Amino acid sequence: LSKFDASKITVTGHSLGAAIGLIDSVFLHLQLPKAAIRFVGYG
């Protein structure tokens, strides 16, 4: 975020990775509340 002056985060994964990613999306929102968080999971 700092290096690229970014404000958007997309978390992704498949299967177990999608499950981890969904929880990670909540975690990142709480830790980085000013960032725009998106989750795209498969299976």
PDB file of all heavy atoms in Angstrom:
ATOM      1  N   LEU A   1       0.827  -1.205   0.000  1.00  0.00           N
ATOM      2  CA  LEU A   1       0.000   0.000   0.000  1.00  0.00           C
ATOM      3  C   LEU A   1       0.863   1.256   0.000  1.00  0.00           C
ATOM      4  O   LEU A   1       0.588   2.218  -0.725  1.00  0.00           O
ATOM      5  CB  LEU A   1      -0.931   0.008   1.218  1.00  0.00           C
ATOM      6  CG  LEU A   1      -2.076  -1.010   1.229  1.00  0.00           C
ATOM      7  CD1 LEU A   1      -2.765  -1.000   2.598  1.00  0.00           C
ATOM      8  CD2 LEU A   1      -3.091  -0.724   0.127  1.00  0.00           C
ATOM      9  N   SER A   2       1.904   1.232   0.816  1.00  0.00           N
ATOM     10  CA  SER A   2       2.791   2.379   0.922  1.00  0.00           C
ATOM     11  C   SER A   2       3.654   2.546  -0.331  1.00  0.00           C
ATOM     12  O   SER A   2       3.753   3.647  -0.895  1.00  0.00           O
ATOM     13  CB  SER A   2       3.678   2.232   2.155  1.00  0.00           C
ATOM     14  OG  SER A   2       4.630   3.272   2.231  1.00  0.00           O
ATOM     15  N   LYS A   3       4.234   1.461  -0.783  1.00  0.00           N
ATOM     16  CA  LYS A   3       5.167   1.518  -1.912  1.00  0.00           C
ATOM     17  C   LYS A   3       4.496   1.982  -3.194  1.00  0.00           C
ATOM     18  O   LYS A   3       5.090   2.737  -3.986  1.00  0.00           O
ATOM     19  CB  LYS A   3       5.808   0.145  -2.115  1.00  0.00           C
ATOM     20  CG  LYS A   3       6.826   0.088  -3.239  1.00  0.00           C
ATOM     21  CD  LYS A   3       7.488  -1.276  -3.309  1.00  0.00           C
ATOM     22  CE  LYS A   3       8.531  -1.324  -4.425  1.00  0.00           C
ATOM     23  NZ  LYS A   3       9.208  -2.654  -4.482  1.00  0.00           N
ATOM     24  N   PHE A   4       3.258   1.538  -3.401  1.00  0.00           N
ATOM     25  CA  PHE A   4       2.577   1.839  -4.654  1.00  0.00           C
ATOM     26  C   PHE A   4       1.464   2.877  -4.490  1.00  0.00           C
ATOM     27  O   PHE A   4       0.688   3.085  -5.423  1.00  0.00           O
ATOM     28  CB  PHE A   4       2.028   0.547  -5.255  1.00  0.00           C
ATOM     29  CG  PHE A   4       3.091  -0.472  -5.557  1.00  0.00           C
ATOM     30  CD1 PHE A   4       3.292  -1.553  -4.717  1.00  0.00           C
ATOM     31  CD2 PHE A   4       3.932  -0.315  -6.649  1.00  0.00           C
ATOM     32  CE1 PHE A   4       4.287  -2.489  -4.976  1.00  0.00           C
ATOM     33  CE2 PHE A   4       4.931  -1.235  -6.919  1.00  0.00           C
ATOM     34  CZ  PHE A   4       5.121  -2.327  -6.079  1.00  0.00           C
ATOM     35  N   ASP A   5       1.412   3.496  -3.317  1.00  0.00           N
ATOM     36  CA  ASP A   5       0.401   4.513  -3.040  1.00  0.00           C
ATOM     37  C   ASP A   5      -0.990   3.996  -3.400  1.00  0.00           C
ATOM     38  O   ASP A   5      -1.779   4.682  -4.074  1.00  0.00           O
ATOM     39  CB  ASP A   5       0.718   5.796  -3.813  1.00  0.00           C
ATOM     40  CG  ASP A   5      -0.102   6.985  -3.320  1.00  0.00           C
ATOM     41  OD1 ASP A   5      -0.536   6.978  -2.146  1.00  0.00           O
ATOM     42  OD2 ASP A   5      -0.336   7.912  -4.124  1.00  0.00           O
ATOM     43  N   ALA A   6      -1.283   2.798  -2.968  1.00  0.00           N
ATOM     44  CA  ALA A   6      -2.538   2.134  -3.309  1.00  0.00           C
ATOM     45  C   ALA A   6      -3.533   2.245  -2.164  1.00  0.00           C
ATOM     46  O   ALA A   6      -3.162   2.499  -1.011  1.00  0.00           O
ATOM     47  CB  ALA A   6      -2.277   0.659  -3.624  1.00  0.00           C
ATOM     48  N   SER A   7      -4.793   2.042  -2.488  1.00  0.00           N
ATOM     49  CA  SER A   7      -5.843   2.081  -1.461  1.00  0.00           C
ATOM     50  C   SER A   7      -6.812   0.911  -1.591  1.00  0.00           C
ATOM     51  O   SER A   7      -7.719   0.784  -0.781  1.00  0.00           O
ATOM     52  CB  SER A   7      -6.620   3.400  -1.556  1.00  0.00           C
ATOM     53  OG  SER A   7      -7.231   3.531  -2.833  1.00  0.00           O
ATOM     54  N   LYS A   8      -6.626   0.068  -2.605  1.00  0.00           N
ATOM     55  CA  LYS A   8      -7.527  -1.058  -2.852  1.00  0.00           C
ATOM     56  C   LYS A   8      -6.793  -2.376  -2.645  1.00  0.00           C
ATOM     57  O   LYS A   8      -5.640  -2.528  -3.065  1.00  0.00           O
ATOM     58  CB  LYS A   8      -8.090  -1.008  -4.274  1.00  0.00           C
ATOM     59  CG  LYS A   8      -8.915   0.234  -4.575  1.00  0.00           C
ATOM     60  CD  LYS A   8      -9.398   0.215  -6.019  1.00  0.00           C
ATOM     61  CE  LYS A   8     -10.194   1.460  -6.358  1.00  0.00           C
ATOM     62  NZ  LYS A   8     -10.636   1.447  -7.789  1.00  0.00           N
ATOM     63  N   ILE A   9      -7.481  -3.319  -2.005  1.00  0.00           N
ATOM     64  CA  ILE A   9      -6.924  -4.655  -1.751  1.00  0.00           C
ATOM     65  C   ILE A   9      -7.947  -5.682  -2.208  1.00  0.00           C
ATOM     66  O   ILE A   9      -9.125  -5.605  -1.841  1.00  0.00           O
ATOM     67  CB  ILE A   9      -6.641  -4.870  -0.254  1.00  0.00           C
ATOM     68  CG1 ILE A   9      -5.721  -3.790   0.300  1.00  0.00           C
ATOM     69  CG2 ILE A   9      -6.060  -6.264  -0.007  1.00  0.00           C
ATOM     70  CD1 ILE A   9      -5.692  -3.742   1.829  1.00  0.00           C
ATOM     71  N   THR A  10      -7.506  -6.646  -3.006  1.00  0.00           N
ATOM     72  CA  THR A  10      -8.364  -7.778  -3.351  1.00  0.00           C
ATOM     73  C   THR A  10      -7.717  -9.055  -2.827  1.00  0.00           C
ATOM     74  O   THR A  10      -6.546  -9.329  -3.105  1.00  0.00           O
ATOM     75  CB  THR A  10      -8.588  -7.896  -4.866  1.00  0.00           C
ATOM     76  OG1 THR A  10      -9.308  -6.750  -5.317  1.00  0.00           O
ATOM     77  CG2 THR A  10      -9.407  -9.141  -5.195  1.00  0.00           C
ATOM     78  N   VAL A  11      -8.492  -9.815  -2.069  1.00  0.00           N
ATOM     79  CA  VAL A  11      -8.037 -11.083  -1.502  1.00  0.00           C
ATOM     80  C   VAL A  11      -8.719 -12.199  -2.276  1.00  0.00           C
ATOM     81  O   VAL A  11      -9.929 -12.154  -2.523  1.00  0.00           O
ATOM     82  CB  VAL A  11      -8.402 -11.189  -0.013  1.00  0.00           C
ATOM     83  CG1 VAL A  11      -7.824 -12.470   0.587  1.00  0.00           C
ATOM     84  CG2 VAL A  11      -7.903  -9.967   0.753  1.00  0.00           C
ATOM     85  N   THR A  12      -7.945 -13.208  -2.665  1.00  0.00           N
ATOM     86  CA  THR A  12      -8.516 -14.292  -3.448  1.00  0.00           C
ATOM     87  C   THR A  12      -7.953 -15.631  -3.015  1.00  0.00           C
ATOM     88  O   THR A  12      -6.979 -15.724  -2.257  1.00  0.00           O
ATOM     89  CB  THR A  12      -8.281 -14.048  -4.954  1.00  0.00           C
ATOM     90  OG1 THR A  12      -9.054 -14.991  -5.717  1.00  0.00           O
ATOM     91  CG2 THR A  12      -6.805 -14.204  -5.320  1.00  0.00           C
ATOM     92  N   GLY A  13      -8.587 -16.691  -3.484  1.00  0.00           N
ATOM     93  CA  GLY A  13      -8.151 -18.039  -3.165  1.00  0.00           C
ATOM     94  C   GLY A  13      -9.194 -19.031  -3.633  1.00  0.00           C
ATOM     95  O   GLY A  13     -10.320 -18.657  -3.997  1.00  0.00           O
ATOM     96  N   HIS A  14      -8.819 -20.286  -3.624  1.00  0.00           N
ATOM     97  CA  HIS A  14      -9.696 -21.369  -4.066  1.00  0.00           C
ATOM     98  C   HIS A  14      -9.785 -22.406  -2.965  1.00  0.00           C
ATOM     99  O   HIS A  14      -8.794 -22.725  -2.314  1.00  0.00           O
ATOM    100  CB  HIS A  14      -9.120 -22.002  -5.341  1.00  0.00           C
ATOM    101  CG  HIS A  14      -9.738 -23.306  -5.739  1.00  0.00           C
ATOM    102  ND1 HIS A  14      -9.121 -24.518  -5.512  1.00  0.00           N
ATOM    103  CD2 HIS A  14     -10.921 -23.601  -6.345  1.00  0.00           C
ATOM    104  CE1 HIS A  14      -9.888 -25.485  -5.975  1.00  0.00           C
ATOM    105  NE2 HIS A  14     -10.984 -24.962  -6.477  1.00  0.00           N
ATOM    106  N   SER A  15     -10.990 -22.910  -2.699  1.00  0.00           N
ATOM    107  CA  SER A  15     -11.178 -23.998  -1.751  1.00  0.00           C
ATOM    108  C   SER A  15     -10.767 -23.552  -0.342  1.00  0.00           C
ATOM    109  O   SER A  15     -11.279 -22.556   0.165  1.00  0.00           O
ATOM    110  CB  SER A  15     -10.394 -25.234  -2.229  1.00  0.00           C
ATOM    111  OG  SER A  15     -10.729 -26.381  -1.511  1.00  0.00           O
ATOM    112  N   LEU A  16      -9.852 -24.250   0.302  1.00  0.00           N
ATOM    113  CA  LEU A  16      -9.337 -23.822   1.598  1.00  0.00           C
ATOM    114  C   LEU A  16      -8.758 -22.416   1.509  1.00  0.00           C
ATOM    115  O   LEU A  16      -8.888 -21.608   2.427  1.00  0.00           O
ATOM    116  CB  LEU A  16      -8.291 -24.811   2.099  1.00  0.00           C
ATOM    117  CG  LEU A  16      -7.509 -24.451   3.361  1.00  0.00           C
ATOM    118  CD1 LEU A  16      -8.422 -24.222   4.544  1.00  0.00           C
ATOM    119  CD2 LEU A  16      -6.477 -25.539   3.674  1.00  0.00           C
ATOM    120  N   GLY A  17      -8.119 -22.107   0.374  1.00  0.00           N
ATOM    121  CA  GLY A  17      -7.560 -20.774   0.179  1.00  0.00           C
ATOM    122  C   GLY A  17      -8.632 -19.703   0.152  1.00  0.00           C
ATOM    123  O   GLY A  17      -8.403 -18.573   0.603  1.00  0.00           O
ATOM    124  N   ALA A  18      -9.811 -20.040  -0.373  1.00  0.00           N
ATOM    125  CA  ALA A  18     -10.925 -19.094  -0.362  1.00  0.00           C
ATOM    126  C   ALA A  18     -11.423 -18.881   1.059  1.00  0.00           C
ATOM    127  O   ALA A  18     -11.749 -17.751   1.460  1.00  0.00           O
ATOM    128  CB  ALA A  18     -12.051 -19.598  -1.256  1.00  0.00           C
ATOM    129  N   ALA A  19     -11.483 -19.964   1.840  1.00  0.00           N
ATOM    130  CA  ALA A  19     -11.912 -19.847   3.241  1.00  0.00           C
ATOM    131  C   ALA A  19     -10.953 -18.973   4.033  1.00  0.00           C
ATOM    132  O   ALA A  19     -11.372 -18.082   4.786  1.00  0.00           O
ATOM    133  CB  ALA A  19     -12.022 -21.241   3.864  1.00  0.00           C
ATOM    134  N   ILE A  20      -9.658 -19.214   3.861  1.00  0.00           N
ATOM    135  CA  ILE A  20      -8.658 -18.374   4.530  1.00  0.00           C
ATOM    136  C   ILE A  20      -8.800 -16.932   4.051  1.00  0.00           C
ATOM    137  O   ILE A  20      -8.739 -15.986   4.843  1.00  0.00           O
ATOM    138  CB  ILE A  20      -7.237 -18.898   4.244  1.00  0.00           C
ATOM    139  CG1 ILE A  20      -7.040 -20.301   4.829  1.00  0.00           C
ATOM    140  CG2 ILE A  20      -6.179 -17.933   4.803  1.00  0.00           C
ATOM    141  CD1 ILE A  20      -5.749 -20.970   4.379  1.00  0.00           C
ATOM    142  N   GLY A  21      -9.016 -16.780   2.745  1.00  0.00           N
ATOM    143  CA  GLY A  21      -9.127 -15.450   2.166  1.00  0.00           C
ATOM    144  C   GLY A  21     -10.313 -14.659   2.690  1.00  0.00           C
ATOM    145  O   GLY A  21     -10.215 -13.446   2.890  1.00  0.00           O
ATOM    146  N   LEU A  22     -11.449 -15.326   2.900  1.00  0.00           N
ATOM    147  CA  LEU A  22     -12.614 -14.626   3.420  1.00  0.00           C
ATOM    148  C   LEU A  22     -12.339 -14.117   4.834  1.00  0.00           C
ATOM    149  O   LEU A  22     -12.646 -12.964   5.167  1.00  0.00           O
ATOM    150  CB  LEU A  22     -13.835 -15.544   3.415  1.00  0.00           C
ATOM    151  CG  LEU A  22     -15.142 -14.905   3.917  1.00  0.00           C
ATOM    152  CD1 LEU A  22     -15.521 -13.691   3.085  1.00  0.00           C
ATOM    153  CD2 LEU A  22     -16.269 -15.932   3.925  1.00  0.00           C
ATOM    154  N   ILE A  23     -11.742 -14.973   5.667  1.00  0.00           N
ATOM    155  CA  ILE A  23     -11.382 -14.544   7.025  1.00  0.00           C
ATOM    156  C   ILE A  23     -10.326 -13.440   6.965  1.00  0.00           C
ATOM    157  O   ILE A  23     -10.375 -12.464   7.721  1.00  0.00           O
ATOM    158  CB  ILE A  23     -10.883 -15.739   7.854  1.00  0.00           C
ATOM    159  CG1 ILE A  23     -11.968 -16.810   7.963  1.00  0.00           C
ATOM    160  CG2 ILE A  23     -10.460 -15.291   9.252  1.00  0.00           C
ATOM    161  CD1 ILE A  23     -11.508 -18.106   8.615  1.00  0.00           C
ATOM    162  N   ASP A  24      -9.393 -13.568   6.035  1.00  0.00           N
ATOM    163  CA  ASP A  24      -8.349 -12.561   5.867  1.00  0.00           C
ATOM    164  C   ASP A  24      -8.940 -11.211   5.463  1.00  0.00           C
ATOM    165  O   ASP A  24      -8.441 -10.157   5.887  1.00  0.00           O
ATOM    166  CB  ASP A  24      -7.363 -13.031   4.792  1.00  0.00           C
ATOM    167  CG  ASP A  24      -5.911 -12.812   5.197  1.00  0.00           C
ATOM    168  OD1 ASP A  24      -5.620 -12.746   6.409  1.00  0.00           O
ATOM    169  OD2 ASP A  24      -5.055 -12.728   4.293  1.00  0.00           O
ATOM    170  N   SER A  25      -9.996 -11.235   4.668  1.00  0.00           N
ATOM    171  CA  SER A  25     -10.639  -9.985   4.242  1.00  0.00           C
ATOM    172  C   SER A  25     -11.201  -9.236   5.443  1.00  0.00           C
ATOM    173  O   SER A  25     -11.074  -8.007   5.542  1.00  0.00           O
ATOM    174  CB  SER A  25     -11.751 -10.283   3.235  1.00  0.00           C
ATOM    175  OG  SER A  25     -11.239 -10.884   2.070  1.00  0.00           O
ATOM    176  N   VAL A  26     -11.818  -9.972   6.364  1.00  0.00           N
ATOM    177  CA  VAL A  26     -12.329  -9.363   7.587  1.00  0.00           C
ATOM    178  C   VAL A  26     -11.170  -8.815   8.419  1.00  0.00           C
ATOM    179  O   VAL A  26     -11.216  -7.681   8.914  1.00  0.00           O
ATOM    180  CB  VAL A  26     -13.145 -10.389   8.404  1.00  0.00           C
ATOM    181  CG1 VAL A  26     -13.572  -9.795   9.740  1.00  0.00           C
ATOM    182  CG2 VAL A  26     -14.360 -10.862   7.612  1.00  0.00           C
ATOM    183  N   PHE A  27     -10.123  -9.626   8.561  1.00  0.00           N
ATOM    184  CA  PHE A  27      -8.930  -9.236   9.323  1.00  0.00           C
ATOM    185  C   PHE A  27      -8.303  -7.963   8.748  1.00  0.00           C
ATOM    186  O   PHE A  27      -8.004  -7.001   9.487  1.00  0.00           O
ATOM    187  CB  PHE A  27      -7.924 -10.386   9.288  1.00  0.00           C
ATOM    188  CG  PHE A  27      -6.534 -10.047   9.730  1.00  0.00           C
ATOM    189  CD1 PHE A  27      -6.255  -9.764  11.057  1.00  0.00           C
ATOM    190  CD2 PHE A  27      -5.489 -10.033   8.814  1.00  0.00           C
ATOM    191  CE1 PHE A  27      -4.956  -9.464  11.472  1.00  0.00           C
ATOM    192  CE2 PHE A  27      -4.196  -9.739   9.212  1.00  0.00           C
ATOM    193  CZ  PHE A  27      -3.926  -9.456  10.540  1.00  0.00           C
ATOM    194  N   LEU A  28      -8.127  -7.913   7.431  1.00  0.00           N
ATOM    195  CA  LEU A  28      -7.493  -6.751   6.805  1.00  0.00           C
ATOM    196  C   LEU A  28      -8.372  -5.507   6.927  1.00  0.00           C
ATOM    197  O   LEU A  28      -7.853  -4.393   7.097  1.00  0.00           O
ATOM    198  CB  LEU A  28      -7.178  -7.049   5.339  1.00  0.00           C
ATOM    199  CG  LEU A  28      -6.054  -8.071   5.116  1.00  0.00           C
ATOM    200  CD1 LEU A  28      -5.967  -8.467   3.650  1.00  0.00           C
ATOM    201  CD2 LEU A  28      -4.713  -7.534   5.608  1.00  0.00           C
ATOM    202  N   HIS A  29      -9.679  -5.685   6.851  1.00  0.00           N
ATOM    203  CA  HIS A  29     -10.568  -4.534   7.040  1.00  0.00           C
ATOM    204  C   HIS A  29     -10.406  -3.952   8.445  1.00  0.00           C
ATOM    205  O   HIS A  29     -10.353  -2.719   8.612  1.00  0.00           O
ATOM    206  CB  HIS A  29     -12.019  -4.936   6.820  1.00  0.00           C
ATOM    207  CG  HIS A  29     -12.994  -3.909   7.314  1.00  0.00           C
ATOM    208  ND1 HIS A  29     -13.164  -2.676   6.707  1.00  0.00           N
ATOM    209  CD2 HIS A  29     -13.821  -3.898   8.402  1.00  0.00           C
ATOM    210  CE1 HIS A  29     -14.056  -1.978   7.377  1.00  0.00           C
ATOM    211  NE2 HIS A  29     -14.472  -2.679   8.409  1.00  0.00           N
ATOM    212  N   LEU A  30     -10.329  -4.812   9.448  1.00  0.00           N
ATOM    213  CA  LEU A  30     -10.201  -4.330  10.824  1.00  0.00           C
ATOM    214  C   LEU A  30      -8.842  -3.681  11.068  1.00  0.00           C
ATOM    215  O   LEU A  30      -8.739  -2.702  11.820  1.00  0.00           O
ATOM    216  CB  LEU A  30     -10.412  -5.489  11.798  1.00  0.00           C
ATOM    217  CG  LEU A  30     -11.826  -6.088  11.832  1.00  0.00           C
ATOM    218  CD1 LEU A  30     -11.852  -7.334  12.697  1.00  0.00           C
ATOM    219  CD2 LEU A  30     -12.833  -5.054  12.339  1.00  0.00           C
ATOM    220  N   GLN A  31      -7.809  -4.225  10.432  1.00  0.00           N
ATOM    221  CA  GLN A  31      -6.459  -3.693  10.629  1.00  0.00           C
ATOM    222  C   GLN A  31      -6.172  -2.474   9.756  1.00  0.00           C
ATOM    223  O   GLN A  31      -5.341  -1.626  10.123  1.00  0.00           O
ATOM    224  CB  GLN A  31      -5.425  -4.790  10.328  1.00  0.00           C
ATOM    225  CG  GLN A  31      -5.554  -6.037  11.187  1.00  0.00           C
ATOM    226  CD  GLN A  31      -5.292  -5.778  12.661  1.00  0.00           C
ATOM    227  OE1 GLN A  31      -4.470  -4.919  13.005  1.00  0.00           O
ATOM    228  NE2 GLN A  31      -5.974  -6.509  13.533  1.00  0.00           N
ATOM    229  N   LEU A  32      -6.846  -2.382   8.607  1.00  0.00           N
ATOM    230  CA  LEU A  32      -6.606  -1.304   7.643  1.00  0.00           C
ATOM    231  C   LEU A  32      -7.952  -0.703   7.227  1.00  0.00           C
ATOM    232  O   LEU A  32      -8.396  -0.846   6.090  1.00  0.00           O
ATOM    233  CB  LEU A  32      -5.862  -1.840   6.414  1.00  0.00           C
ATOM    234  CG  LEU A  32      -4.516  -2.521   6.680  1.00  0.00           C
ATOM    235  CD1 LEU A  32      -4.060  -3.304   5.460  1.00  0.00           C
ATOM    236  CD2 LEU A  32      -3.466  -1.480   7.082  1.00  0.00           C
ATOM    237  N   PRO A  33      -8.639  -0.068   8.153  1.00  0.00           N
ATOM    238  CA  PRO A  33     -10.025   0.359   7.897  1.00  0.00           C
ATOM    239  C   PRO A  33     -10.184   1.391   6.787  1.00  0.00           C
ATOM    240  O   PRO A  33     -11.292   1.553   6.256  1.00  0.00           O
ATOM    241  CB  PRO A  33     -10.470   0.934   9.255  1.00  0.00           C
ATOM    242  CG  PRO A  33      -9.197   1.301   9.953  1.00  0.00           C
ATOM    243  CD  PRO A  33      -8.195   0.284   9.517  1.00  0.00           C
ATOM    244  N   LYS A  34      -9.123   2.077   6.398  1.00  0.00           N
ATOM    245  CA  LYS A  34      -9.231   3.072   5.333  1.00  0.00           C
ATOM    246  C   LYS A  34      -9.102   2.454   3.939  1.00  0.00           C
ATOM    247  O   LYS A  34      -9.418   3.110   2.941  1.00  0.00           O
ATOM    248  CB  LYS A  34      -8.160   4.153   5.516  1.00  0.00           C
ATOM    249  CG  LYS A  34      -8.357   5.008   6.759  1.00  0.00           C
ATOM    250  CD  LYS A  34      -7.303   6.105   6.849  1.00  0.00           C
ATOM    251  CE  LYS A  34      -7.523   6.968   8.088  1.00  0.00           C
ATOM    252  NZ  LYS A  34      -6.491   8.046   8.196  1.00  0.00           N
ATOM    253  N   ALA A  35      -8.656   1.202   3.866  1.00  0.00           N
ATOM    254  CA  ALA A  35      -8.493   0.531   2.570  1.00  0.00           C
ATOM    255  C   ALA A  35      -9.826  -0.021   2.082  1.00  0.00           C
ATOM    256  O   ALA A  35     -10.679  -0.417   2.877  1.00  0.00           O
ATOM    257  CB  ALA A  35      -7.465  -0.587   2.683  1.00  0.00           C
ATOM    258  N   ALA A  36      -9.999  -0.057   0.769  1.00  0.00           N
ATOM    259  CA  ALA A  36     -11.170  -0.680   0.151  1.00  0.00           C
ATOM    260  C   ALA A  36     -10.850  -2.155  -0.068  1.00  0.00           C
ATOM    261  O   ALA A  36      -9.901  -2.491  -0.792  1.00  0.00           O
ATOM    262  CB  ALA A  36     -11.498  -0.003  -1.171  1.00  0.00           C
ATOM    263  N   ILE A  37     -11.606  -3.033   0.576  1.00  0.00           N
ATOM    264  CA  ILE A  37     -11.323  -4.469   0.552  1.00  0.00           C
ATOM    265  C   ILE A  37     -12.321  -5.192  -0.348  1.00  0.00           C
ATOM    266  O   ILE A  37     -13.533  -4.957  -0.264  1.00  0.00           O
ATOM    267  CB  ILE A  37     -11.389  -5.091   1.959  1.00  0.00           C
ATOM    268  CG1 ILE A  37     -10.562  -4.279   2.961  1.00  0.00           C
ATOM    269  CG2 ILE A  37     -10.958  -6.552   1.914  1.00  0.00           C
ATOM    270  CD1 ILE A  37      -9.091  -4.376   2.796  1.00  0.00           C
ATOM    271  N   ARG A  38     -11.805  -6.063  -1.185  1.00  0.00           N
ATOM    272  CA  ARG A  38     -12.640  -6.922  -2.023  1.00  0.00           C
ATOM    273  C   ARG A  38     -12.204  -8.365  -1.833  1.00  0.00           C
ATOM    274  O   ARG A  38     -11.010  -8.645  -1.714  1.00  0.00           O
ATOM    275  CB  ARG A  38     -12.504  -6.528  -3.492  1.00  0.00           C
ATOM    276  CG  ARG A  38     -13.399  -7.322  -4.440  1.00  0.00           C
ATOM    277  CD  ARG A  38     -13.157  -6.921  -5.887  1.00  0.00           C
ATOM    278  NE  ARG A  38     -14.122  -7.558  -6.777  1.00  0.00           N
ATOM    279  CZ  ARG A  38     -14.063  -7.526  -8.100  1.00  0.00           C
ATOM    280  NH1 ARG A  38     -13.061  -6.860  -8.694  1.00  0.00           N
ATOM    281  NH2 ARG A  38     -14.967  -8.127  -8.837  1.00  0.00           N
ATOM    282  N   PHE A  39     -13.169  -9.275  -1.796  1.00  0.00           N
ATOM    283  CA  PHE A  39     -12.880 -10.712  -1.726  1.00  0.00           C
ATOM    284  C   PHE A  39     -13.484 -11.395  -2.940  1.00  0.00           C
ATOM    285  O   PHE A  39     -14.664 -11.205  -3.250  1.00  0.00           O
ATOM    286  CB  PHE A  39     -13.459 -11.325  -0.447  1.00  0.00           C
ATOM    287  CG  PHE A  39     -13.474 -12.834  -0.460  1.00  0.00           C
ATOM    288  CD1 PHE A  39     -12.296 -13.554  -0.283  1.00  0.00           C
ATOM    289  CD2 PHE A  39     -14.654 -13.541  -0.669  1.00  0.00           C
ATOM    290  CE1 PHE A  39     -12.303 -14.948  -0.320  1.00  0.00           C
ATOM    291  CE2 PHE A  39     -14.676 -14.920  -0.699  1.00  0.00           C
ATOM    292  CZ  PHE A  39     -13.485 -15.632  -0.518  1.00  0.00           C
ATOM    293  N   VAL A  40     -12.659 -12.187  -3.633  1.00  0.00           N
ATOM    294  CA  VAL A  40     -13.126 -13.004  -4.755  1.00  0.00           C
ATOM    295  C   VAL A  40     -12.637 -14.428  -4.502  1.00  0.00           C
ATOM    296  O   VAL A  40     -11.438 -14.708  -4.586  1.00  0.00           O
ATOM    297  CB  VAL A  40     -12.588 -12.498  -6.111  1.00  0.00           C
ATOM    298  CG1 VAL A  40     -13.109 -13.381  -7.242  1.00  0.00           C
ATOM    299  CG2 VAL A  40     -12.982 -11.039  -6.347  1.00  0.00           C
ATOM    300  N   GLY A  41     -13.565 -15.322  -4.153  1.00  0.00           N
ATOM    301  CA  GLY A  41     -13.198 -16.696  -3.823  1.00  0.00           C
ATOM    302  C   GLY A  41     -13.825 -17.685  -4.787  1.00  0.00           C
ATOM    303  O   GLY A  41     -14.884 -17.442  -5.373  1.00  0.00           O
ATOM    304  N   TYR A  42     -13.171 -18.842  -4.921  1.00  0.00           N
ATOM    305  CA  TYR A  42     -13.627 -19.891  -5.837  1.00  0.00           C
ATOM    306  C   TYR A  42     -13.783 -21.201  -5.061  1.00  0.00           C
ATOM    307  O   TYR A  42     -12.895 -21.595  -4.303  1.00  0.00           O
ATOM    308  CB  TYR A  42     -12.603 -20.073  -6.971  1.00  0.00           C
ATOM    309  CG  TYR A  42     -12.408 -18.819  -7.781  1.00  0.00           C
ATOM    310  CD1 TYR A  42     -11.515 -17.823  -7.362  1.00  0.00           C
ATOM    311  CD2 TYR A  42     -13.138 -18.603  -8.945  1.00  0.00           C
ATOM    312  CE1 TYR A  42     -11.355 -16.654  -8.086  1.00  0.00           C
ATOM    313  CE2 TYR A  42     -12.982 -17.432  -9.678  1.00  0.00           C
ATOM    314  CZ  TYR A  42     -12.080 -16.464  -9.252  1.00  0.00           C
ATOM    315  OH  TYR A  42     -11.931 -15.301  -9.967  1.00  0.00           O
ATOM    316  N   GLY A  43     -14.929 -21.865  -5.257  1.00  0.00           N
ATOM    317  CA  GLY A  43     -15.159 -23.134  -4.566  1.00  0.00           C
ATOM    318  C   GLY A  43     -15.119 -22.969  -3.058  1.00  0.00           C
ATOM    319  O   GLY A  43     -14.595 -23.832  -2.346  1.00  0.00           O
TER     320      GLY A  43
END
